[in-house]
Amino acid sequence: MFRFVFFALLALIIWERSDLELRETKKNLETKRHHLEEKIDNQKTMSEKLQAELNSQSDPAWIEQILKVELGVVPENQRKVYVNRR
C-alpha cells in the first residue's frame, strides 16, 4: 500500500511540474507570436508605403517634390528662401 501511495504522489508531482512547464512554454510562445505579428504588420505597412512611393515615381508632381525637397532644385520662376533658425 505504501508503494502505491508513494508511486501515486511521485506521478502527481511529475505531472504537475510538466504541466507548469507546458504553461510557461505556451505563455512564452504566445508572447513571441504577438511580437512577430506586430513585426509583420509593421513590415506590411512599410511595404505598402514603399509600393505607393514606387507607383508615384512616374508622377511629375512627385518628381518635382523630390527635386525641391531632397536635392534643393528650384524652378526658374521661383525663388529659394532660407530661414535662419537659432
N, C-alpha and C. Protein backbone atom coordinates (compact mmCIF):
# COMPACT_ATOMS: atom_id res chain seq x y z
N MET A 1 0.82 -1.19 0.00
CA MET A 1 0.00 0.00 0.00
C MET A 1 0.87 1.26 0.00
N PHE A 2 1.95 1.23 0.79
CA PHE A 2 2.85 2.37 0.87
C PHE A 2 3.48 2.66 -0.49
N ARG A 3 3.84 1.59 -1.19
CA ARG A 3 4.45 1.76 -2.51
C ARG A 3 3.47 2.40 -3.49
N PHE A 4 2.23 2.01 -3.42
CA PHE A 4 1.22 2.58 -4.31
C PHE A 4 1.03 4.07 -4.04
N VAL A 5 0.93 4.46 -2.78
CA VAL A 5 0.77 5.87 -2.42
C VAL A 5 2.00 6.66 -2.84
N PHE A 6 3.19 6.09 -2.59
CA PHE A 6 4.43 6.76 -2.98
C PHE A 6 4.49 6.95 -4.49
N PHE A 7 4.15 5.90 -5.23
CA PHE A 7 4.16 5.98 -6.68
C PHE A 7 3.14 7.00 -7.17
N ALA A 8 1.95 7.03 -6.59
CA ALA A 8 0.90 7.98 -6.99
C ALA A 8 1.34 9.41 -6.72
N LEU A 9 1.95 9.66 -5.56
CA LEU A 9 2.43 11.01 -5.23
C LEU A 9 3.56 11.43 -6.18
N LEU A 10 4.46 10.51 -6.47
CA LEU A 10 5.56 10.80 -7.37
C LEU A 10 5.03 11.14 -8.77
N ALA A 11 4.06 10.34 -9.24
CA ALA A 11 3.47 10.59 -10.55
C ALA A 11 2.75 11.94 -10.57
N LEU A 12 2.05 12.27 -9.50
CA LEU A 12 1.34 13.55 -9.41
C LEU A 12 2.32 14.72 -9.43
N ILE A 13 3.43 14.60 -8.71
CA ILE A 13 4.45 15.66 -8.68
C ILE A 13 5.05 15.85 -10.08
N ILE A 14 5.38 14.76 -10.74
CA ILE A 14 5.97 14.84 -12.08
C ILE A 14 4.97 15.46 -13.06
N TRP A 15 3.73 15.03 -12.97
CA TRP A 15 2.69 15.57 -13.86
C TRP A 15 2.48 17.06 -13.61
N GLU A 16 2.42 17.47 -12.36
CA GLU A 16 2.22 18.89 -12.01
C GLU A 16 3.37 19.74 -12.53
N ARG A 17 4.58 19.25 -12.39
CA ARG A 17 5.76 20.01 -12.84
C ARG A 17 5.77 20.14 -14.36
N SER A 18 5.46 19.05 -15.06
CA SER A 18 5.44 19.12 -16.52
C SER A 18 4.30 20.02 -17.01
N ASP A 19 3.18 20.01 -16.32
CA ASP A 19 2.06 20.89 -16.67
C ASP A 19 2.46 22.36 -16.49
N LEU A 20 3.17 22.67 -15.43
CA LEU A 20 3.65 24.03 -15.19
C LEU A 20 4.62 24.46 -16.29
N GLU A 21 5.53 23.57 -16.65
CA GLU A 21 6.48 23.88 -17.72
C GLU A 21 5.77 24.10 -19.05
N LEU A 22 4.75 23.30 -19.32
CA LEU A 22 3.98 23.47 -20.55
C LEU A 22 3.27 24.82 -20.57
N ARG A 23 2.69 25.22 -19.44
CA ARG A 23 2.01 26.52 -19.38
C ARG A 23 2.99 27.67 -19.59
N GLU A 24 4.18 27.56 -19.00
CA GLU A 24 5.19 28.61 -19.19
C GLU A 24 5.65 28.67 -20.65
N THR A 25 5.85 27.51 -21.25
CA THR A 25 6.27 27.46 -22.65
C THR A 25 5.18 28.05 -23.54
N LYS A 26 3.93 27.74 -23.27
CA LYS A 26 2.82 28.28 -24.05
C LYS A 26 2.77 29.79 -23.92
N LYS A 27 2.95 30.31 -22.72
CA LYS A 27 2.93 31.76 -22.49
C LYS A 27 4.07 32.43 -23.27
N ASN A 28 5.27 31.85 -23.23
CA ASN A 28 6.41 32.40 -23.96
C ASN A 28 6.16 32.39 -25.47
N LEU A 29 5.61 31.30 -25.97
CA LEU A 29 5.33 31.20 -27.40
C LEU A 29 4.25 32.20 -27.83
N GLU A 30 3.24 32.40 -26.99
CA GLU A 30 2.21 33.39 -27.32
C GLU A 30 2.80 34.79 -27.36
N THR A 31 3.70 35.09 -26.44
CA THR A 31 4.36 36.40 -26.44
C THR A 31 5.19 36.58 -27.70
N LYS A 32 5.95 35.57 -28.07
CA LYS A 32 6.75 35.64 -29.29
C LYS A 32 5.86 35.80 -30.52
N ARG A 33 4.75 35.07 -30.55
CA ARG A 33 3.82 35.17 -31.67
C ARG A 33 3.26 36.59 -31.79
N HIS A 34 2.93 37.18 -30.65
CA HIS A 34 2.40 38.55 -30.64
C HIS A 34 3.43 39.52 -31.20
N HIS A 35 4.69 39.38 -30.79
CA HIS A 35 5.75 40.26 -31.29
C HIS A 35 5.97 40.06 -32.80
N LEU A 36 5.92 38.81 -33.23
CA LEU A 36 6.09 38.53 -34.66
C LEU A 36 4.93 39.10 -35.48
N GLU A 37 3.71 39.02 -34.95
CA GLU A 37 2.56 39.60 -35.65
C GLU A 37 2.70 41.11 -35.76
N GLU A 38 3.23 41.75 -34.71
CA GLU A 38 3.48 43.20 -34.76
C GLU A 38 4.52 43.52 -35.83
N LYS A 39 5.59 42.70 -35.88
CA LYS A 39 6.62 42.91 -36.91
C LYS A 39 6.04 42.75 -38.31
N ILE A 40 5.20 41.75 -38.49
CA ILE A 40 4.57 41.51 -39.78
C ILE A 40 3.72 42.71 -40.17
N ASP A 41 2.93 43.23 -39.24
CA ASP A 41 2.09 44.40 -39.52
C ASP A 41 2.95 45.60 -39.90
N ASN A 42 4.04 45.81 -39.18
CA ASN A 42 4.93 46.93 -39.49
C ASN A 42 5.56 46.76 -40.87
N GLN A 43 5.96 45.53 -41.19
CA GLN A 43 6.56 45.28 -42.50
C GLN A 43 5.54 45.46 -43.63
N LYS A 44 4.29 45.06 -43.39
CA LYS A 44 3.25 45.26 -44.39
C LYS A 44 3.01 46.74 -44.62
N THR A 45 2.98 47.52 -43.54
CA THR A 45 2.79 48.97 -43.66
C THR A 45 3.93 49.58 -44.45
N MET A 46 5.16 49.18 -44.13
CA MET A 46 6.33 49.70 -44.84
C MET A 46 6.29 49.30 -46.31
N SER A 47 5.90 48.07 -46.57
CA SER A 47 5.81 47.58 -47.95
C SER A 47 4.78 48.38 -48.74
N GLU A 48 3.63 48.64 -48.13
CA GLU A 48 2.58 49.42 -48.80
C GLU A 48 3.07 50.84 -49.07
N LYS A 49 3.78 51.41 -48.11
CA LYS A 49 4.31 52.77 -48.27
C LYS A 49 5.32 52.81 -49.41
N LEU A 50 6.22 51.84 -49.43
CA LEU A 50 7.22 51.79 -50.49
C LEU A 50 6.58 51.54 -51.86
N GLN A 51 5.56 50.69 -51.89
CA GLN A 51 4.87 50.42 -53.15
C GLN A 51 4.18 51.68 -53.66
N ALA A 52 3.56 52.44 -52.76
CA ALA A 52 2.92 53.69 -53.16
C ALA A 52 3.96 54.68 -53.68
N GLU A 53 5.12 54.71 -53.03
CA GLU A 53 6.19 55.60 -53.49
C GLU A 53 6.69 55.18 -54.87
N LEU A 54 6.84 53.88 -55.08
CA LEU A 54 7.26 53.39 -56.39
C LEU A 54 6.23 53.74 -57.47
N ASN A 55 4.97 53.57 -57.13
CA ASN A 55 3.90 53.86 -58.10
C ASN A 55 3.84 55.34 -58.45
N SER A 56 4.21 56.20 -57.51
CA SER A 56 4.11 57.64 -57.76
C SER A 56 5.34 58.21 -58.44
N GLN A 57 6.35 57.41 -58.69
CA GLN A 57 7.58 57.93 -59.27
C GLN A 57 7.41 58.41 -60.71
N SER A 58 6.38 57.98 -61.38
CA SER A 58 6.14 58.47 -62.73
C SER A 58 5.28 59.74 -62.72
N ASP A 59 4.84 60.17 -61.54
CA ASP A 59 4.01 61.36 -61.40
C ASP A 59 4.91 62.60 -61.42
N PRO A 60 4.67 63.54 -62.34
CA PRO A 60 5.50 64.75 -62.42
C PRO A 60 5.51 65.56 -61.13
N ALA A 61 4.40 65.61 -60.42
CA ALA A 61 4.36 66.36 -59.16
C ALA A 61 5.28 65.73 -58.12
N TRP A 62 5.33 64.41 -58.10
CA TRP A 62 6.22 63.72 -57.16
C TRP A 62 7.68 63.99 -57.51
N ILE A 63 7.99 63.93 -58.78
CA ILE A 63 9.37 64.18 -59.24
C ILE A 63 9.79 65.60 -58.86
N GLU A 64 8.89 66.56 -59.07
CA GLU A 64 9.19 67.95 -58.70
C GLU A 64 9.40 68.08 -57.20
N GLN A 65 8.58 67.42 -56.43
CA GLN A 65 8.71 67.47 -54.97
C GLN A 65 10.06 66.91 -54.52
N ILE A 66 10.48 65.80 -55.08
CA ILE A 66 11.78 65.21 -54.72
C ILE A 66 12.91 66.14 -55.11
N LEU A 67 12.83 66.72 -56.30
CA LEU A 67 13.86 67.65 -56.74
C LEU A 67 13.97 68.85 -55.81
N LYS A 68 12.83 69.34 -55.35
CA LYS A 68 12.82 70.51 -54.46
C LYS A 68 13.31 70.16 -53.06
N VAL A 69 12.73 69.15 -52.46
CA VAL A 69 12.99 68.84 -51.06
C VAL A 69 14.35 68.18 -50.85
N GLU A 70 14.64 67.14 -51.61
CA GLU A 70 15.85 66.37 -51.34
C GLU A 70 17.08 66.92 -52.04
N LEU A 71 16.91 67.51 -53.22
CA LEU A 71 18.07 67.99 -53.97
C LEU A 71 18.22 69.50 -53.94
N GLY A 72 17.19 70.21 -53.48
CA GLY A 72 17.28 71.66 -53.37
C GLY A 72 17.16 72.38 -54.70
N VAL A 73 16.65 71.73 -55.73
CA VAL A 73 16.49 72.35 -57.04
C VAL A 73 15.25 73.24 -57.02
N VAL A 74 15.38 74.44 -57.60
CA VAL A 74 14.26 75.38 -57.64
C VAL A 74 14.00 75.74 -59.10
N PRO A 75 12.73 75.71 -59.53
CA PRO A 75 12.42 76.11 -60.90
C PRO A 75 12.82 77.56 -61.16
N GLU A 76 13.00 77.91 -62.40
CA GLU A 76 13.46 79.25 -62.76
C GLU A 76 12.50 80.34 -62.33
N ASN A 77 11.22 80.07 -62.31
CA ASN A 77 10.24 81.10 -61.97
C ASN A 77 9.98 81.19 -60.46
N GLN A 78 10.73 80.47 -59.65
CA GLN A 78 10.56 80.52 -58.20
C GLN A 78 11.86 80.91 -57.53
N ARG A 79 11.73 81.37 -56.27
CA ARG A 79 12.92 81.74 -55.50
C ARG A 79 13.05 80.82 -54.30
N LYS A 80 14.28 80.59 -53.95
CA LYS A 80 14.58 79.78 -52.78
C LYS A 80 14.77 80.72 -51.59
N VAL A 81 14.09 80.45 -50.50
CA VAL A 81 14.17 81.28 -49.30
C VAL A 81 14.80 80.44 -48.19
N TYR A 82 15.83 81.00 -47.57
CA TYR A 82 16.48 80.33 -46.44
C TYR A 82 15.99 80.97 -45.16
N VAL A 83 15.65 80.15 -44.18
CA VAL A 83 15.22 80.64 -42.88
C VAL A 83 16.28 80.24 -41.88
N ASN A 84 16.78 81.25 -41.16
CA ASN A 84 17.82 81.02 -40.18
C ASN A 84 17.14 80.79 -38.82
N ARG A 85 17.20 79.59 -38.34
CA ARG A 85 16.59 79.24 -37.04
C ARG A 85 17.67 79.13 -36.00
N ARG A 86 17.49 79.84 -34.93
CA ARG A 86 18.50 79.81 -33.86
C ARG A 86 17.97 79.18 -32.62
